[in-house]
Amino acid sequence: TFAGESSGGISGGTLATAIGALRGESKGQPGTAEAERRGVYALDPEGADGGPDKSEFVAPQYDARARSWHMPNVMAAVNGPVVRKSAALLRYASQPTGCAYSEVQAMPSRFAAYGGSAALGLAGLCLATPPIRWLLFQLKVLPRPGEGPSQQTRDKGHFHTWVLGIGETADDGSAELPMAIADVRSGTAGDPGYKATAQMAVESALCLALERSKCNLGGGVLTPAAALGSALVDRLNRSGMELSAKVHRLDESEQPAAL
């Protein structure tokens, strides 16, 4: 998954959660030890085989298939386990080793990728250092719980994300790897952290309430992809967001980031 251009604000509550994670406040909570043991597959359903992924961290590099430089994405550790659980529930992989998944931040150049990575590391250090963190709160650089972006920021915000899916090769290795691009744009949804998130949550609830027959009728702890599938995609498109998918070929001149 490549996170593209975005604009919006940061939630004080979300920031407090991130700081708590950096400080290890979840240590000792029920299930924490088991989650740490399972690593990036911590949310997989019982009986799942896991997969090849070992870490959410992806070093800055150039991806020729996506024609884009990229750096680590701050949300990878949150989103990655959910995506892997969806893959396990939907049985995407035909091999016991499962699907590989990574989430990165698309960048326009090598310099931007390495510079952004350094800035991300510095930001994490500042948040993890109590005196610096206190000063940033005092100077109103960081929002406290209950604080967040203005209505103007929420209304004018936007985001663009695309997913490059690469299929499995033929047994003899002769076939070209099938690839597809799923493109997600905020459309009229606004700021990704507040307004767009609220819209997606509401449409998910309406999907369950009004279009239950189109949803997965199985029970258990599911993900939106596994439980709601294309029914939710259709609702999000009708609500003003823009979600699409198409086959991707390496000989295309169009860059995925510019779809």
C-alpha atoms as a PDB file:
ATOM      1  CA  THR A   1       0.000   0.000   0.000  1.00  0.00           C
ATOM      2  CA  PHE A   2       1.320   3.431  -0.985  1.00  0.00           C
ATOM      3  CA  ALA A   3       0.078   6.454   0.944  1.00  0.00           C
ATOM      4  CA  GLY A   4       0.154   9.401  -1.433  1.00  0.00           C
ATOM      5  CA  GLU A   5      -0.528  13.095  -0.986  1.00  0.00           C
ATOM      6  CA  SER A   6      -2.739  14.032   1.950  1.00  0.00           C
ATOM      7  CA  SER A   7      -3.789  17.063   3.942  1.00  0.00           C
ATOM      8  CA  GLY A   8      -5.427  17.200   7.353  1.00  0.00           C
ATOM      9  CA  GLY A   9      -4.890  17.550  11.071  1.00  0.00           C
ATOM     10  CA  ILE A  10      -3.810  15.336  13.930  1.00  0.00           C
ATOM     11  CA  SER A  11      -6.067  14.184  16.755  1.00  0.00           C
ATOM     12  CA  GLY A  12      -4.945  14.756  20.315  1.00  0.00           C
ATOM     13  CA  GLY A  13      -6.482  11.441  21.330  1.00  0.00           C
ATOM     14  CA  THR A  14      -4.683   9.547  18.586  1.00  0.00           C
ATOM     15  CA  LEU A  15      -1.439  11.255  19.547  1.00  0.00           C
ATOM     16  CA  ALA A  16      -1.962  10.275  23.192  1.00  0.00           C
ATOM     17  CA  THR A  17      -2.422   6.652  22.128  1.00  0.00           C
ATOM     18  CA  ALA A  18       0.804   6.773  20.119  1.00  0.00           C
ATOM     19  CA  ILE A  19       2.702   8.277  23.051  1.00  0.00           C
ATOM     20  CA  GLY A  20       1.306   5.595  25.342  1.00  0.00           C
ATOM     21  CA  ALA A  21       2.569   2.927  22.960  1.00  0.00           C
ATOM     22  CA  LEU A  22       6.022   4.521  22.883  1.00  0.00           C
ATOM     23  CA  ARG A  23       6.066   4.539  26.692  1.00  0.00           C
ATOM     24  CA  GLY A  24       5.046   0.883  26.859  1.00  0.00           C
ATOM     25  CA  GLU A  25       1.791   1.552  28.725  1.00  0.00           C
ATOM     26  CA  SER A  26       0.166  -1.549  27.213  1.00  0.00           C
ATOM     27  CA  LYS A  27       2.699  -3.869  28.840  1.00  0.00           C
ATOM     28  CA  GLY A  28       0.999  -6.359  31.110  1.00  0.00           C
ATOM     29  CA  GLN A  29      -2.451  -5.892  29.564  1.00  0.00           C
ATOM     30  CA  PRO A  30      -4.389  -9.088  28.731  1.00  0.00           C
ATOM     31  CA  GLY A  31      -3.320 -10.480  25.370  1.00  0.00           C
ATOM     32  CA  THR A  32      -0.215  -8.304  25.057  1.00  0.00           C
ATOM     33  CA  ALA A  33       2.262 -11.161  25.475  1.00  0.00           C
ATOM     34  CA  GLU A  34       0.427 -13.294  22.902  1.00  0.00           C
ATOM     35  CA  ALA A  35       0.281 -10.389  20.446  1.00  0.00           C
ATOM     36  CA  GLU A  36       4.021  -9.776  20.804  1.00  0.00           C
ATOM     37  CA  ARG A  37       4.705 -13.458  20.208  1.00  0.00           C
ATOM     38  CA  ARG A  38       2.659 -13.472  16.994  1.00  0.00           C
ATOM     39  CA  GLY A  39       4.291 -10.275  15.732  1.00  0.00           C
ATOM     40  CA  VAL A  40       2.782  -8.689  12.625  1.00  0.00           C
ATOM     41  CA  TYR A  41       0.204 -11.500  12.453  1.00  0.00           C
ATOM     42  CA  ALA A  42      -1.170 -10.717  15.930  1.00  0.00           C
ATOM     43  CA  LEU A  43      -4.748 -10.218  14.669  1.00  0.00           C
ATOM     44  CA  ASP A  44      -4.908 -13.323  12.457  1.00  0.00           C
ATOM     45  CA  PRO A  45      -7.828 -15.672  13.215  1.00  0.00           C
ATOM     46  CA  GLU A  46      -7.225 -18.879  15.131  1.00  0.00           C
ATOM     47  CA  GLY A  47      -5.735 -21.560  12.915  1.00  0.00           C
ATOM     48  CA  ALA A  48      -4.208 -19.131  10.394  1.00  0.00           C
ATOM     49  CA  ASP A  49      -0.728 -20.010   9.134  1.00  0.00           C
ATOM     50  CA  GLY A  50       0.784 -16.534   9.305  1.00  0.00           C
ATOM     51  CA  GLY A  51       3.054 -15.589   6.437  1.00  0.00           C
ATOM     52  CA  PRO A  52       6.441 -14.293   5.317  1.00  0.00           C
ATOM     53  CA  ASP A  53       6.316 -10.804   6.870  1.00  0.00           C
ATOM     54  CA  LYS A  54       8.620 -10.173   9.835  1.00  0.00           C
ATOM     55  CA  SER A  55       8.336  -6.421  10.394  1.00  0.00           C
ATOM     56  CA  GLU A  56       6.258  -3.385   9.418  1.00  0.00           C
ATOM     57  CA  PHE A  57       9.411  -1.370   8.735  1.00  0.00           C
ATOM     58  CA  VAL A  58      10.363  -0.898   5.077  1.00  0.00           C
ATOM     59  CA  ALA A  59      13.586   0.983   4.375  1.00  0.00           C
ATOM     60  CA  PRO A  60      13.584   3.895   1.889  1.00  0.00           C
ATOM     61  CA  GLN A  61      13.913   2.575  -1.644  1.00  0.00           C
ATOM     62  CA  TYR A  62      12.605   2.824  -5.195  1.00  0.00           C
ATOM     63  CA  ASP A  63       9.817   0.510  -6.365  1.00  0.00           C
ATOM     64  CA  ALA A  64      10.058   0.015 -10.131  1.00  0.00           C
ATOM     65  CA  ARG A  65       6.603  -1.576 -10.311  1.00  0.00           C
ATOM     66  CA  ALA A  66       4.942   1.461  -8.739  1.00  0.00           C
ATOM     67  CA  ARG A  67       7.489   3.878 -10.271  1.00  0.00           C
ATOM     68  CA  SER A  68       7.853   5.647  -6.943  1.00  0.00           C
ATOM     69  CA  TRP A  69      10.323   6.208  -4.135  1.00  0.00           C
ATOM     70  CA  HIS A  70       8.965   5.473  -0.671  1.00  0.00           C
ATOM     71  CA  MET A  71       9.747   5.751   3.032  1.00  0.00           C
ATOM     72  CA  PRO A  72       8.290   4.109   6.169  1.00  0.00           C
ATOM     73  CA  ASN A  73       4.641   4.914   6.908  1.00  0.00           C
ATOM     74  CA  VAL A  74       3.735   5.882  10.464  1.00  0.00           C
ATOM     75  CA  MET A  75       0.398   4.016  10.190  1.00  0.00           C
ATOM     76  CA  ALA A  76       1.867   0.725   8.946  1.00  0.00           C
ATOM     77  CA  ALA A  77       1.957  -0.882  12.401  1.00  0.00           C
ATOM     78  CA  VAL A  78      -1.750  -0.084  12.868  1.00  0.00           C
ATOM     79  CA  ASN A  79      -3.072  -1.006   9.423  1.00  0.00           C
ATOM     80  CA  GLY A  80      -0.802  -3.931   8.534  1.00  0.00           C
ATOM     81  CA  PRO A  81      -2.176  -6.524  11.003  1.00  0.00           C
ATOM     82  CA  VAL A  82      -5.753  -5.683   9.934  1.00  0.00           C
ATOM     83  CA  VAL A  83      -4.928  -6.197   6.252  1.00  0.00           C
ATOM     84  CA  ARG A  84      -3.204  -9.524   7.011  1.00  0.00           C
ATOM     85  CA  LYS A  85      -6.254 -10.650   8.968  1.00  0.00           C
ATOM     86  CA  SER A  86      -8.466  -9.786   5.986  1.00  0.00           C
ATOM     87  CA  ALA A  87      -6.163 -11.808   3.731  1.00  0.00           C
ATOM     88  CA  ALA A  88      -6.382 -14.786   6.088  1.00  0.00           C
ATOM     89  CA  LEU A  89     -10.178 -14.572   6.427  1.00  0.00           C
ATOM     90  CA  LEU A  90     -10.665 -14.261   2.665  1.00  0.00           C
ATOM     91  CA  ARG A  91      -8.025 -16.921   1.920  1.00  0.00           C
ATOM     92  CA  TYR A  92      -6.244 -14.748  -0.626  1.00  0.00           C
ATOM     93  CA  ALA A  93      -3.086 -16.886  -0.785  1.00  0.00           C
ATOM     94  CA  SER A  94      -3.084 -20.318  -2.400  1.00  0.00           C
ATOM     95  CA  GLN A  95       0.214 -21.196  -0.699  1.00  0.00           C
ATOM     96  CA  PRO A  96       0.563 -22.064   3.015  1.00  0.00           C
ATOM     97  CA  THR A  97       3.117 -19.270   3.368  1.00  0.00           C
ATOM     98  CA  GLY A  98       0.350 -16.685   2.952  1.00  0.00           C
ATOM     99  CA  CYS A  99       0.427 -13.182   1.463  1.00  0.00           C
ATOM    100  CA  ALA A 100       3.187 -10.626   1.925  1.00  0.00           C
ATOM    101  CA  TYR A 101       2.049  -7.096   2.778  1.00  0.00           C
ATOM    102  CA  SER A 102       3.775  -3.781   3.373  1.00  0.00           C
ATOM    103  CA  GLU A 103       2.608  -0.194   3.741  1.00  0.00           C
ATOM    104  CA  VAL A 104       4.771   2.777   2.831  1.00  0.00           C
ATOM    105  CA  GLN A 105       4.642   6.516   2.207  1.00  0.00           C
ATOM    106  CA  ALA A 106       5.176   7.426  -1.443  1.00  0.00           C
ATOM    107  CA  MET A 107       7.795  10.137  -2.004  1.00  0.00           C
ATOM    108  CA  PRO A 108       8.771  12.104  -5.136  1.00  0.00           C
ATOM    109  CA  SER A 109      12.531  11.505  -4.966  1.00  0.00           C
ATOM    110  CA  ARG A 110      15.395   9.676  -3.260  1.00  0.00           C
ATOM    111  CA  PHE A 111      16.237  12.811  -1.267  1.00  0.00           C
ATOM    112  CA  ALA A 112      12.638  13.163  -0.064  1.00  0.00           C
ATOM    113  CA  ALA A 113      12.484   9.480   0.928  1.00  0.00           C
ATOM    114  CA  TYR A 114      15.649   9.572   3.024  1.00  0.00           C
ATOM    115  CA  GLY A 115      14.953  13.040   4.394  1.00  0.00           C
ATOM    116  CA  GLY A 116      11.420  12.070   5.360  1.00  0.00           C
ATOM    117  CA  SER A 117      12.685   8.927   7.103  1.00  0.00           C
ATOM    118  CA  ALA A 118      15.138  10.985   9.138  1.00  0.00           C
ATOM    119  CA  ALA A 119      12.390  13.455  10.067  1.00  0.00           C
ATOM    120  CA  LEU A 120      10.096  10.596  11.108  1.00  0.00           C
ATOM    121  CA  GLY A 121      12.786   9.164  13.344  1.00  0.00           C
ATOM    122  CA  LEU A 122      13.436  12.584  14.890  1.00  0.00           C
ATOM    123  CA  ALA A 123       9.718  13.088  15.559  1.00  0.00           C
ATOM    124  CA  GLY A 124       9.546   9.723  17.310  1.00  0.00           C
ATOM    125  CA  LEU A 125      12.544  10.658  19.449  1.00  0.00           C
ATOM    126  CA  CYS A 126      10.920  13.955  20.446  1.00  0.00           C
ATOM    127  CA  LEU A 127       7.688  12.223  21.445  1.00  0.00           C
ATOM    128  CA  ALA A 128       9.574   9.618  23.468  1.00  0.00           C
ATOM    129  CA  THR A 129      11.632  12.223  25.373  1.00  0.00           C
ATOM    130  CA  PRO A 130       9.542  13.657  28.272  1.00  0.00           C
ATOM    131  CA  PRO A 131      11.114  17.156  28.489  1.00  0.00           C
ATOM    132  CA  ILE A 132      10.849  17.737  24.744  1.00  0.00           C
ATOM    133  CA  ARG A 133       7.307  16.340  24.659  1.00  0.00           C
ATOM    134  CA  TRP A 134       6.273  18.622  27.549  1.00  0.00           C
ATOM    135  CA  LEU A 135       7.704  21.664  25.762  1.00  0.00           C
ATOM    136  CA  LEU A 136       5.875  20.827  22.517  1.00  0.00           C
ATOM    137  CA  PHE A 137       2.585  20.608  24.422  1.00  0.00           C
ATOM    138  CA  GLN A 138       3.267  23.886  26.213  1.00  0.00           C
ATOM    139  CA  LEU A 139       4.025  25.630  22.925  1.00  0.00           C
ATOM    140  CA  LYS A 140       0.767  24.253  21.412  1.00  0.00           C
ATOM    141  CA  VAL A 141       2.760  22.433  18.713  1.00  0.00           C
ATOM    142  CA  LEU A 142       1.055  19.188  19.716  1.00  0.00           C
ATOM    143  CA  PRO A 143      -2.678  18.842  20.466  1.00  0.00           C
ATOM    144  CA  ARG A 144      -3.883  17.425  23.778  1.00  0.00           C
ATOM    145  CA  PRO A 145      -6.684  14.826  24.067  1.00  0.00           C
ATOM    146  CA  GLY A 146      -9.933  16.474  23.029  1.00  0.00           C
ATOM    147  CA  GLU A 147      -8.182  18.858  20.665  1.00  0.00           C
ATOM    148  CA  GLY A 148      -7.897  18.525  16.907  1.00  0.00           C
ATOM    149  CA  PRO A 149      -8.020  20.292  13.541  1.00  0.00           C
ATOM    150  CA  SER A 150     -10.392  23.151  12.786  1.00  0.00           C
ATOM    151  CA  GLN A 151     -13.539  22.697  10.726  1.00  0.00           C
ATOM    152  CA  GLN A 152     -11.839  24.415   7.791  1.00  0.00           C
ATOM    153  CA  THR A 153      -8.963  21.915   7.935  1.00  0.00           C
ATOM    154  CA  ARG A 154     -11.411  19.028   8.153  1.00  0.00           C
ATOM    155  CA  ASP A 155     -13.467  20.283   5.206  1.00  0.00           C
ATOM    156  CA  LYS A 156     -10.512  21.077   2.942  1.00  0.00           C
ATOM    157  CA  GLY A 157      -8.457  18.004   3.801  1.00  0.00           C
ATOM    158  CA  HIS A 158      -7.872  15.170   1.360  1.00  0.00           C
ATOM    159  CA  PHE A 159      -5.941  11.956   0.836  1.00  0.00           C
ATOM    160  CA  HIS A 160      -4.893   9.582  -1.920  1.00  0.00           C
ATOM    161  CA  THR A 161      -3.837   5.962  -1.378  1.00  0.00           C
ATOM    162  CA  TRP A 162      -3.203   3.213  -3.865  1.00  0.00           C
ATOM    163  CA  VAL A 163      -2.587  -0.487  -3.421  1.00  0.00           C
ATOM    164  CA  LEU A 164      -0.414  -2.484  -5.799  1.00  0.00           C
ATOM    165  CA  GLY A 165      -1.474  -6.125  -5.702  1.00  0.00           C
ATOM    166  CA  ILE A 166       0.914  -8.684  -7.211  1.00  0.00           C
ATOM    167  CA  GLY A 167      -0.353 -12.192  -7.900  1.00  0.00           C
ATOM    168  CA  GLU A 168       1.443 -15.502  -7.674  1.00  0.00           C
ATOM    169  CA  THR A 169       3.529 -16.825 -10.546  1.00  0.00           C
ATOM    170  CA  ALA A 170       2.828 -20.034 -12.422  1.00  0.00           C
ATOM    171  CA  ASP A 171       4.460 -23.232 -11.144  1.00  0.00           C
ATOM    172  CA  ASP A 172       7.038 -23.185 -13.924  1.00  0.00           C
ATOM    173  CA  GLY A 173       7.727 -19.479 -13.413  1.00  0.00           C
ATOM    174  CA  SER A 174       6.992 -18.728 -17.063  1.00  0.00           C
ATOM    175  CA  ALA A 175       3.942 -16.520 -16.660  1.00  0.00           C
ATOM    176  CA  GLU A 176       4.173 -12.775 -16.088  1.00  0.00           C
ATOM    177  CA  LEU A 177       3.147 -11.818 -12.564  1.00  0.00           C
ATOM    178  CA  PRO A 178      -0.430 -10.502 -12.652  1.00  0.00           C
ATOM    179  CA  MET A 179      -0.759  -7.056 -11.084  1.00  0.00           C
ATOM    180  CA  ALA A 180      -3.661  -4.783 -10.207  1.00  0.00           C
ATOM    181  CA  ILE A 181      -3.991  -1.272  -8.800  1.00  0.00           C
ATOM    182  CA  ALA A 182      -6.702  -0.327  -6.303  1.00  0.00           C
ATOM    183  CA  ASP A 183      -6.990   3.453  -6.136  1.00  0.00           C
ATOM    184  CA  VAL A 184      -8.609   5.295  -3.204  1.00  0.00           C
ATOM    185  CA  ARG A 185      -9.239   9.039  -3.174  1.00  0.00           C
ATOM    186  CA  SER A 186     -11.061  11.023  -0.504  1.00  0.00           C
ATOM    187  CA  GLY A 187     -13.276  12.860  -2.997  1.00  0.00           C
ATOM    188  CA  THR A 188     -15.645  14.991  -0.921  1.00  0.00           C
ATOM    189  CA  ALA A 189     -14.866  13.141   2.329  1.00  0.00           C
ATOM    190  CA  GLY A 190     -12.304  15.698   3.535  1.00  0.00           C
ATOM    191  CA  ASP A 191      -9.663  15.277   6.243  1.00  0.00           C
ATOM    192  CA  PRO A 192      -8.515  11.627   6.505  1.00  0.00           C
ATOM    193  CA  GLY A 193      -8.151  11.554  10.288  1.00  0.00           C
ATOM    194  CA  TYR A 194     -11.536  13.028  11.200  1.00  0.00           C
ATOM    195  CA  LYS A 195     -14.177  13.708   8.558  1.00  0.00           C
ATOM    196  CA  ALA A 196     -13.318  10.884   6.151  1.00  0.00           C
ATOM    197  CA  THR A 197     -12.921   8.400   9.006  1.00  0.00           C
ATOM    198  CA  ALA A 198     -16.340   9.373  10.365  1.00  0.00           C
ATOM    199  CA  GLN A 199     -17.885   8.999   6.911  1.00  0.00           C
ATOM    200  CA  MET A 200     -16.395   5.530   6.462  1.00  0.00           C
ATOM    201  CA  ALA A 201     -17.614   4.468   9.926  1.00  0.00           C
ATOM    202  CA  VAL A 202     -21.155   5.712   9.233  1.00  0.00           C
ATOM    203  CA  GLU A 203     -21.302   4.031   5.821  1.00  0.00           C
ATOM    204  CA  SER A 204     -20.076   0.777   7.388  1.00  0.00           C
ATOM    205  CA  ALA A 205     -22.884   0.941   9.956  1.00  0.00           C
ATOM    206  CA  LEU A 206     -25.478   1.718   7.266  1.00  0.00           C
ATOM    207  CA  CYS A 207     -24.136  -1.137   5.191  1.00  0.00           C
ATOM    208  CA  LEU A 208     -24.774  -3.564   8.063  1.00  0.00           C
ATOM    209  CA  ALA A 209     -28.179  -2.066   8.844  1.00  0.00           C
ATOM    210  CA  LEU A 210     -29.594  -1.633   5.330  1.00  0.00           C
ATOM    211  CA  GLU A 211     -27.700  -4.049   3.095  1.00  0.00           C
ATOM    212  CA  ARG A 212     -27.153  -7.029   5.355  1.00  0.00           C
ATOM    213  CA  SER A 213     -27.950  -9.478   2.566  1.00  0.00           C
ATOM    214  CA  LYS A 214     -24.935  -8.217   0.608  1.00  0.00           C
ATOM    215  CA  CYS A 215     -22.580  -8.680   3.569  1.00  0.00           C
ATOM    216  CA  ASN A 216     -20.749 -11.752   4.737  1.00  0.00           C
ATOM    217  CA  LEU A 217     -23.233 -13.603   6.934  1.00  0.00           C
ATOM    218  CA  GLY A 218     -20.538 -15.362   8.948  1.00  0.00           C
ATOM    219  CA  GLY A 219     -19.920 -14.382  12.563  1.00  0.00           C
ATOM    220  CA  GLY A 220     -16.865 -13.691  14.655  1.00  0.00           C
ATOM    221  CA  VAL A 221     -14.468 -10.768  14.819  1.00  0.00           C
ATOM    222  CA  LEU A 222     -14.171  -9.697  11.188  1.00  0.00           C
ATOM    223  CA  THR A 223     -12.589  -6.833   9.267  1.00  0.00           C
ATOM    224  CA  PRO A 224     -14.475  -4.400   6.984  1.00  0.00           C
ATOM    225  CA  ALA A 225     -13.027  -6.096   3.898  1.00  0.00           C
ATOM    226  CA  ALA A 226     -14.090  -9.564   5.038  1.00  0.00           C
ATOM    227  CA  ALA A 227     -17.486  -8.580   6.463  1.00  0.00           C
ATOM    228  CA  LEU A 228     -18.696  -5.868   4.071  1.00  0.00           C
ATOM    229  CA  GLY A 229     -16.625  -6.283   0.901  1.00  0.00           C
ATOM    230  CA  SER A 230     -17.869  -4.680  -2.299  1.00  0.00           C
ATOM    231  CA  ALA A 231     -21.117  -3.558  -0.638  1.00  0.00           C
ATOM    232  CA  LEU A 232     -19.117  -1.041   1.399  1.00  0.00           C
ATOM    233  CA  VAL A 233     -17.064  -0.004  -1.630  1.00  0.00           C
ATOM    234  CA  ASP A 234     -20.277   0.830  -3.511  1.00  0.00           C
ATOM    235  CA  ARG A 235     -21.629   2.840  -0.580  1.00  0.00           C
ATOM    236  CA  LEU A 236     -18.400   4.819  -0.218  1.00  0.00           C
ATOM    237  CA  ASN A 237     -18.425   5.671  -3.922  1.00  0.00           C
ATOM    238  CA  ARG A 238     -22.034   6.848  -3.703  1.00  0.00           C
ATOM    239  CA  SER A 239     -21.186   8.963  -0.645  1.00  0.00           C
ATOM    240  CA  GLY A 240     -18.575  10.995  -2.524  1.00  0.00           C
ATOM    241  CA  MET A 241     -15.356   9.040  -2.161  1.00  0.00           C
ATOM    242  CA  GLU A 242     -13.600   7.591  -5.204  1.00  0.00           C
ATOM    243  CA  LEU A 243     -12.565   3.918  -5.128  1.00  0.00           C
ATOM    244  CA  SER A 244     -11.592   1.981  -8.255  1.00  0.00           C
ATOM    245  CA  ALA A 245      -9.415  -0.896  -9.433  1.00  0.00           C
ATOM    246  CA  LYS A 246      -7.771  -1.897 -12.695  1.00  0.00           C
ATOM    247  CA  VAL A 247      -5.176  -4.249 -14.105  1.00  0.00           C
ATOM    248  CA  HIS A 248      -1.648  -2.795 -13.984  1.00  0.00           C
ATOM    249  CA  ARG A 249       1.053  -3.510 -16.549  1.00  0.00           C
ATOM    250  CA  LEU A 250       4.713  -2.611 -16.273  1.00  0.00           C
ATOM    251  CA  ASP A 251       4.784  -1.299 -19.841  1.00  0.00           C
ATOM    252  CA  GLU A 252       2.203   1.377 -19.046  1.00  0.00           C
ATOM    253  CA  SER A 253       3.557   4.906 -19.136  1.00  0.00           C
ATOM    254  CA  GLU A 254       1.099   6.115 -16.511  1.00  0.00           C
ATOM    255  CA  GLN A 255       2.442   6.180 -12.973  1.00  0.00           C
ATOM    256  CA  PRO A 256       0.123   4.678 -10.327  1.00  0.00           C
ATOM    257  CA  ALA A 257       0.595   7.759  -8.133  1.00  0.00           C
ATOM    258  CA  ALA A 258      -0.955   9.868 -10.887  1.00  0.00           C
ATOM    259  CA  LEU A 259      -4.021   7.703 -11.486  1.00  0.00           C
END
